[in-house]
PDB file of N, CA and C in Angstrom:
ATOM      1  N   MET A   1     115.837 105.034  97.349  1.00  0.00           N
ATOM      2  CA  MET A   1     115.903 106.517  96.949  1.00  0.00           C
ATOM      3  C   MET A   1     117.360 106.754  96.688  1.00  0.00           C
ATOM      4  N   GLN A   2     118.158 106.470  97.232  1.00  0.00           N
ATOM      5  CA  GLN A   2     119.642 106.824  96.933  1.00  0.00           C
ATOM      6  C   GLN A   2     120.139 106.509  95.427  1.00  0.00           C
ATOM      7  N   ALA A   3     119.629 105.478  94.705  1.00  0.00           N
ATOM      8  CA  ALA A   3     119.899 105.074  93.643  1.00  0.00           C
ATOM      9  C   ALA A   3     119.188 106.040  92.665  1.00  0.00           C
ATOM     10  N   LEU A   4     117.977 106.240  92.978  1.00  0.00           N
ATOM     11  CA  LEU A   4     117.173 107.473  92.150  1.00  0.00           C
ATOM     12  C   LEU A   4     117.983 108.640  91.970  1.00  0.00           C
ATOM     13  N   LEU A   5     118.301 109.251  92.961  1.00  0.00           N
ATOM     14  CA  LEU A   5     119.151 110.506  93.222  1.00  0.00           C
ATOM     15  C   LEU A   5     120.469 110.389  92.360  1.00  0.00           C
ATOM     16  N   LEU A   6     121.099 109.309  92.568  1.00  0.00           N
ATOM     17  CA  LEU A   6     122.361 109.093  91.681  1.00  0.00           C
ATOM     18  C   LEU A   6     122.298 109.040  90.205  1.00  0.00           C
ATOM     19  N   ASN A   7     121.131 108.249  89.930  1.00  0.00           N
ATOM     20  CA  ASN A   7     120.860 108.166  88.639  1.00  0.00           C
ATOM     21  C   ASN A   7     120.328 109.828  88.068  1.00  0.00           C
ATOM     22  N   PHE A   8     119.611 110.387  88.695  1.00  0.00           N
ATOM     23  CA  PHE A   8     119.193 111.592  88.143  1.00  0.00           C
ATOM     24  C   PHE A   8     120.215 112.488  88.169  1.00  0.00           C
ATOM     25  N   LEU A   9     121.343 112.592  89.066  1.00  0.00           N
ATOM     26  CA  LEU A   9     122.616 113.327  88.950  1.00  0.00           C
ATOM     27  C   LEU A   9     123.395 113.160  87.905  1.00  0.00           C
ATOM     28  N   ALA A  10     123.480 111.760  87.599  1.00  0.00           N
ATOM     29  CA  ALA A  10     124.230 111.213  86.241  1.00  0.00           C
ATOM     30  C   ALA A  10     123.352 111.815  85.043  1.00  0.00           C
ATOM     31  N   TYR A  11     122.196 111.765  84.961  1.00  0.00           N
ATOM     32  CA  TYR A  11     121.540 112.335  83.711  1.00  0.00           C
ATOM     33  C   TYR A  11     121.799 113.820  83.504  1.00  0.00           C
ATOM     34  N   LEU A  12     121.767 114.450  84.819  1.00  0.00           N
ATOM     35  CA  LEU A  12     122.076 115.823  84.764  1.00  0.00           C
ATOM     36  C   LEU A  12     123.390 116.253  83.925  1.00  0.00           C
ATOM     37  N   ALA A  13     124.384 115.284  84.484  1.00  0.00           N
ATOM     38  CA  ALA A  13     125.579 115.435  83.931  1.00  0.00           C
ATOM     39  C   ALA A  13     126.094 115.189  82.630  1.00  0.00           C
ATOM     40  N   VAL A  14     125.444 113.905  82.267  1.00  0.00           N
ATOM     41  CA  VAL A  14     125.659 113.339  80.957  1.00  0.00           C
ATOM     42  C   VAL A  14     124.697 113.744  79.914  1.00  0.00           C
ATOM     43  N   GLU A  15     123.597 113.803  80.035  1.00  0.00           N
ATOM     44  CA  GLU A  15     122.494 114.009  79.046  1.00  0.00           C
ATOM     45  C   GLU A  15     122.326 115.848  78.861  1.00  0.00           C
ATOM     46  N   ARG A  16     122.296 116.345  79.972  1.00  0.00           N
ATOM     47  CA  ARG A  16     122.142 117.725  80.158  1.00  0.00           C
ATOM     48  C   ARG A  16     123.214 118.654  80.078  1.00  0.00           C
ATOM     49  N   GLY A  17     124.506 118.038  80.576  1.00  0.00           N
ATOM     50  CA  GLY A  17     125.742 118.647  80.275  1.00  0.00           C
ATOM     51  C   GLY A  17     125.765 119.797  81.464  1.00  0.00           C
ATOM     52  N   LEU A  18     125.066 119.788  82.566  1.00  0.00           N
ATOM     53  CA  LEU A  18     125.137 120.885  83.454  1.00  0.00           C
ATOM     54  C   LEU A  18     126.534 120.911  84.259  1.00  0.00           C
ATOM     55  N   ALA A  19     126.836 121.999  84.797  1.00  0.00           N
ATOM     56  CA  ALA A  19     128.186 122.450  85.575  1.00  0.00           C
ATOM     57  C   ALA A  19     128.035 121.498  86.813  1.00  0.00           C
ATOM     58  N   ASP A  20     129.319 121.032  87.087  1.00  0.00           N
ATOM     59  CA  ASP A  20     129.449 120.311  88.391  1.00  0.00           C
ATOM     60  C   ASP A  20     128.958 121.177  89.665  1.00  0.00           C
ATOM     61  N   ASN A  21     129.257 122.218  89.594  1.00  0.00           N
ATOM     62  CA  ASN A  21     128.499 123.170  90.740  1.00  0.00           C
ATOM     63  C   ASN A  21     126.821 122.997  90.928  1.00  0.00           C
ATOM     64  N   THR A  22     126.433 123.139  89.691  1.00  0.00           N
ATOM     65  CA  THR A  22     124.969 122.917  89.609  1.00  0.00           C
ATOM     66  C   THR A  22     124.548 121.545  90.014  1.00  0.00           C
ATOM     67  N   ILE A  23     125.226 120.652  89.558  1.00  0.00           N
ATOM     68  CA  ILE A  23     124.983 119.154  90.013  1.00  0.00           C
ATOM     69  C   ILE A  23     125.147 118.968  91.484  1.00  0.00           C
ATOM     70  N   GLN A  24     126.008 119.651  92.004  1.00  0.00           N
ATOM     71  CA  GLN A  24     126.395 119.282  93.342  1.00  0.00           C
ATOM     72  C   GLN A  24     125.314 120.043  94.284  1.00  0.00           C
ATOM     73  N   SER A  25     124.847 121.330  93.861  1.00  0.00           N
ATOM     74  CA  SER A  25     123.738 122.014  94.303  1.00  0.00           C
ATOM     75  C   SER A  25     122.331 121.257  94.306  1.00  0.00           C
ATOM     76  N   TYR A  26     122.140 120.784  93.244  1.00  0.00           N
ATOM     77  CA  TYR A  26     120.786 119.777  93.076  1.00  0.00           C
ATOM     78  C   TYR A  26     120.816 118.796  94.085  1.00  0.00           C
ATOM     79  N   GLY A  27     122.101 118.152  94.043  1.00  0.00           N
ATOM     80  CA  GLY A  27     122.368 116.894  95.031  1.00  0.00           C
ATOM     81  C   GLY A  27     122.108 117.091  96.448  1.00  0.00           C
ATOM     82  N   ARG A  28     122.679 118.294  96.895  1.00  0.00           N
ATOM     83  CA  ARG A  28     122.482 118.829  98.154  1.00  0.00           C
ATOM     84  C   ARG A  28     121.122 118.902  98.510  1.00  0.00           C
ATOM     85  N   ASP A  29     120.410 119.605  97.737  1.00  0.00           N
ATOM     86  CA  ASP A  29     119.055 120.179  97.962  1.00  0.00           C
ATOM     87  C   ASP A  29     118.167 118.723  97.806  1.00  0.00           C
ATOM     88  N   LEU A  30     118.390 117.792  97.049  1.00  0.00           N
ATOM     89  CA  LEU A  30     117.615 116.744  96.879  1.00  0.00           C
ATOM     90  C   LEU A  30     117.905 115.865  98.244  1.00  0.00           C
ATOM     91  N   LYS A  31     119.015 115.585  98.742  1.00  0.00           N
ATOM     92  CA  LYS A  31     119.284 114.991  99.764  1.00  0.00           C
ATOM     93  C   LYS A  31     118.712 115.590 101.097  1.00  0.00           C
ATOM     94  N   ASN A  32     118.670 116.955 101.106  1.00  0.00           N
ATOM     95  CA  ASN A  32     117.767 117.469 102.198  1.00  0.00           C
ATOM     96  C   ASN A  32     116.382 117.319 102.221  1.00  0.00           C
ATOM     97  N   TYR A  33     115.976 117.186 100.933  1.00  0.00           N
ATOM     98  CA  TYR A  33     114.458 116.785 100.892  1.00  0.00           C
ATOM     99  C   TYR A  33     114.403 115.264 101.174  1.00  0.00           C
ATOM    100  N   ALA A  34     115.161 114.487 100.828  1.00  0.00           N
ATOM    101  CA  ALA A  34     114.905 113.074 101.108  1.00  0.00           C
ATOM    102  C   ALA A  34     115.036 112.774 102.699  1.00  0.00           C
ATOM    103  N   THR A  35     115.901 113.516 103.411  1.00  0.00           N
ATOM    104  CA  THR A  35     115.913 113.649 104.846  1.00  0.00           C
ATOM    105  C   THR A  35     114.587 114.151 105.310  1.00  0.00           C
ATOM    106  N   TYR A  36     113.997 115.204 104.813  1.00  0.00           N
ATOM    107  CA  TYR A  36     112.930 115.755 105.302  1.00  0.00           C
ATOM    108  C   TYR A  36     111.881 114.599 105.191  1.00  0.00           C
ATOM    109  N   LEU A  37     111.699 114.078 104.039  1.00  0.00           N
ATOM    110  CA  LEU A  37     110.746 112.960 103.680  1.00  0.00           C
ATOM    111  C   LEU A  37     110.693 111.891 104.819  1.00  0.00           C
ATOM    112  N   ALA A  38     112.164 111.535 105.127  1.00  0.00           N
ATOM    113  CA  ALA A  38     112.377 110.378 106.161  1.00  0.00           C
ATOM    114  C   ALA A  38     111.871 110.750 107.241  1.00  0.00           C
ATOM    115  N   ASN A  39     112.130 111.982 107.795  1.00  0.00           N
ATOM    116  CA  ASN A  39     111.770 112.495 108.993  1.00  0.00           C
ATOM    117  C   ASN A  39     110.115 112.450 109.362  1.00  0.00           C
ATOM    118  N   LYS A  40     109.349 112.685 108.221  1.00  0.00           N
ATOM    119  CA  LYS A  40     108.068 112.654 107.945  1.00  0.00           C
ATOM    120  C   LYS A  40     107.265 111.469 107.932  1.00  0.00           C
ATOM    121  N   LYS A  41     108.290 110.239 107.639  1.00  0.00           N
ATOM    122  CA  LYS A  41     107.832 108.990 107.456  1.00  0.00           C
ATOM    123  C   LYS A  41     107.259 108.597 106.050  1.00  0.00           C
ATOM    124  N   MET A  42     107.727 109.446 105.105  1.00  0.00           N
ATOM    125  CA  MET A  42     107.222 109.527 103.746  1.00  0.00           C
ATOM    126  C   MET A  42     108.273 108.701 102.801  1.00  0.00           C
ATOM    127  N   THR A  43     107.642 108.301 101.693  1.00  0.00           N
ATOM    128  CA  THR A  43     108.765 107.741 100.599  1.00  0.00           C
ATOM    129  C   THR A  43     108.444 108.676  99.409  1.00  0.00           C
ATOM    130  N   ILE A  44     109.326 108.489  98.563  1.00  0.00           N
ATOM    131  CA  ILE A  44     109.213 109.408  97.412  1.00  0.00           C
ATOM    132  C   ILE A  44     107.878 108.911  96.575  1.00  0.00           C
ATOM    133  N   ASN A  45     107.372 107.645  96.786  1.00  0.00           N
ATOM    134  CA  ASN A  45     106.050 107.435  96.142  1.00  0.00           C
ATOM    135  C   ASN A  45     104.734 108.069  96.653  1.00  0.00           C
ATOM    136  N   SER A  46     105.015 108.455  97.942  1.00  0.00           N
ATOM    137  CA  SER A  46     103.992 109.151  98.732  1.00  0.00           C
ATOM    138  C   SER A  46     103.707 110.603  98.547  1.00  0.00           C
ATOM    139  N   VAL A  47     104.674 111.072  97.900  1.00  0.00           N
ATOM    140  CA  VAL A  47     104.878 112.565  97.639  1.00  0.00           C
ATOM    141  C   VAL A  47     103.577 113.149  96.981  1.00  0.00           C
ATOM    142  N   THR A  48     103.037 114.134  97.585  1.00  0.00           N
ATOM    143  CA  THR A  48     102.075 114.913  96.991  1.00  0.00           C
ATOM    144  C   THR A  48     102.459 116.421  96.727  1.00  0.00           C
ATOM    145  N   GLN A  49     101.392 117.080  95.893  1.00  0.00           N
ATOM    146  CA  GLN A  49     101.644 118.544  95.984  1.00  0.00           C
ATOM    147  C   GLN A  49     101.648 119.197  97.122  1.00  0.00           C
ATOM    148  N   THR A  50     100.721 118.741  98.103  1.00  0.00           N
ATOM    149  CA  THR A  50     100.612 119.393  99.334  1.00  0.00           C
ATOM    150  C   THR A  50     101.908 119.038 100.411  1.00  0.00           C
ATOM    151  N   SER A  51     102.521 117.846 100.206  1.00  0.00           N
ATOM    152  CA  SER A  51     103.749 117.668 100.823  1.00  0.00           C
ATOM    153  C   SER A  51     105.059 118.597 100.278  1.00  0.00           C
ATOM    154  N   ILE A  52     104.848 118.665  98.996  1.00  0.00           N
ATOM    155  CA  ILE A  52     106.099 119.683  98.487  1.00  0.00           C
ATOM    156  C   ILE A  52     105.879 121.184  98.968  1.00  0.00           C
ATOM    157  N   ILE A  53     104.480 121.322  99.049  1.00  0.00           N
ATOM    158  CA  ILE A  53     104.231 122.935  99.501  1.00  0.00           C
ATOM    159  C   ILE A  53     104.771 123.021 101.184  1.00  0.00           C
ATOM    160  N   SER A  54     104.263 122.052 101.680  1.00  0.00           N
ATOM    161  CA  SER A  54     104.838 121.791 103.078  1.00  0.00           C
ATOM    162  C   SER A  54     106.315 121.986 103.234  1.00  0.00           C
ATOM    163  N   TYR A  55     107.025 121.366 102.345  1.00  0.00           N
ATOM    164  CA  TYR A  55     108.530 121.178 102.370  1.00  0.00           C
ATOM    165  C   TYR A  55     109.016 122.665 102.060  1.00  0.00           C
ATOM    166  N   LEU A  56     108.200 123.373 101.220  1.00  0.00           N
ATOM    167  CA  LEU A  56     108.786 124.778 100.851  1.00  0.00           C
ATOM    168  C   LEU A  56     108.505 125.746 101.996  1.00  0.00           C
ATOM    169  N   LEU A  57     107.368 125.651 102.623  1.00  0.00           N
ATOM    170  CA  LEU A  57     107.143 126.217 103.909  1.00  0.00           C
ATOM    171  C   LEU A  57     108.033 126.019 104.885  1.00  0.00           C
ATOM    172  N   HIS A  58     108.482 124.656 105.037  1.00  0.00           N
ATOM    173  CA  HIS A  58     109.399 124.598 106.059  1.00  0.00           C
ATOM    174  C   HIS A  58     110.923 125.295 105.837  1.00  0.00           C
ATOM    175  N   LEU A  59     111.239 125.260 104.411  1.00  0.00           N
ATOM    176  CA  LEU A  59     112.366 126.073 104.122  1.00  0.00           C
ATOM    177  C   LEU A  59     112.364 127.548 104.300  1.00  0.00           C
ATOM    178  N   GLN A  60     111.104 128.154 104.001  1.00  0.00           N
ATOM    179  CA  GLN A  60     110.860 129.484 104.342  1.00  0.00           C
ATOM    180  C   GLN A  60     110.940 129.791 105.797  1.00  0.00           C
ATOM    181  N   GLY A  61     110.579 128.719 106.591  1.00  0.00           N
ATOM    182  CA  GLY A  61     110.574 129.029 108.025  1.00  0.00           C
ATOM    183  C   GLY A  61     111.879 128.899 108.612  1.00  0.00           C
ATOM    184  N   LYS A  62     112.897 128.367 107.867  1.00  0.00           N
ATOM    185  CA  LYS A  62     114.304 128.336 108.223  1.00  0.00           C
ATOM    186  C   LYS A  62     114.983 129.577 107.747  1.00  0.00           C
ATOM    187  N   GLY A  63     114.231 130.465 107.054  1.00  0.00           N
ATOM    188  CA  GLY A  63     115.003 131.525 106.164  1.00  0.00           C
ATOM    189  C   GLY A  63     115.554 131.144 105.122  1.00  0.00           C
ATOM    190  N   LEU A  64     115.257 129.945 104.358  1.00  0.00           N
ATOM    191  CA  LEU A  64     116.197 129.652 103.139  1.00  0.00           C
ATOM    192  C   LEU A  64     115.067 129.912 101.901  1.00  0.00           C
ATOM    193  N   ALA A  65     116.096 130.260 101.024  1.00  0.00           N
ATOM    194  CA  ALA A  65     115.267 130.571  99.471  1.00  0.00           C
ATOM    195  C   ALA A  65     114.730 129.137  98.969  1.00  0.00           C
ATOM    196  N   THR A  66     113.532 129.267  98.362  1.00  0.00           N
ATOM    197  CA  THR A  66     112.935 128.203  97.873  1.00  0.00           C
ATOM    198  C   THR A  66     112.975 128.303  96.259  1.00  0.00           C
ATOM    199  N   ALA A  67     113.642 129.027  95.758  1.00  0.00           N
ATOM    200  CA  ALA A  67     113.775 129.275  94.352  1.00  0.00           C
ATOM    201  C   ALA A  67     114.388 128.063  93.551  1.00  0.00           C
TER     202      ALA A  67
END
């Protein structure tokens, strides 16, 4: 999963030309999501719409923005 994350962040930098702060923010958010998945014993291939909603509710429960 780490390789996918790094490739995606490189794509955002090179192909989309996003600002470094944006890429760092996306990277942080995606690493947090990867940790959440690992704690739930899930892989990126097992992600469903329901599991994404569950994660967003988890963030809301912690008082974090889901935007």
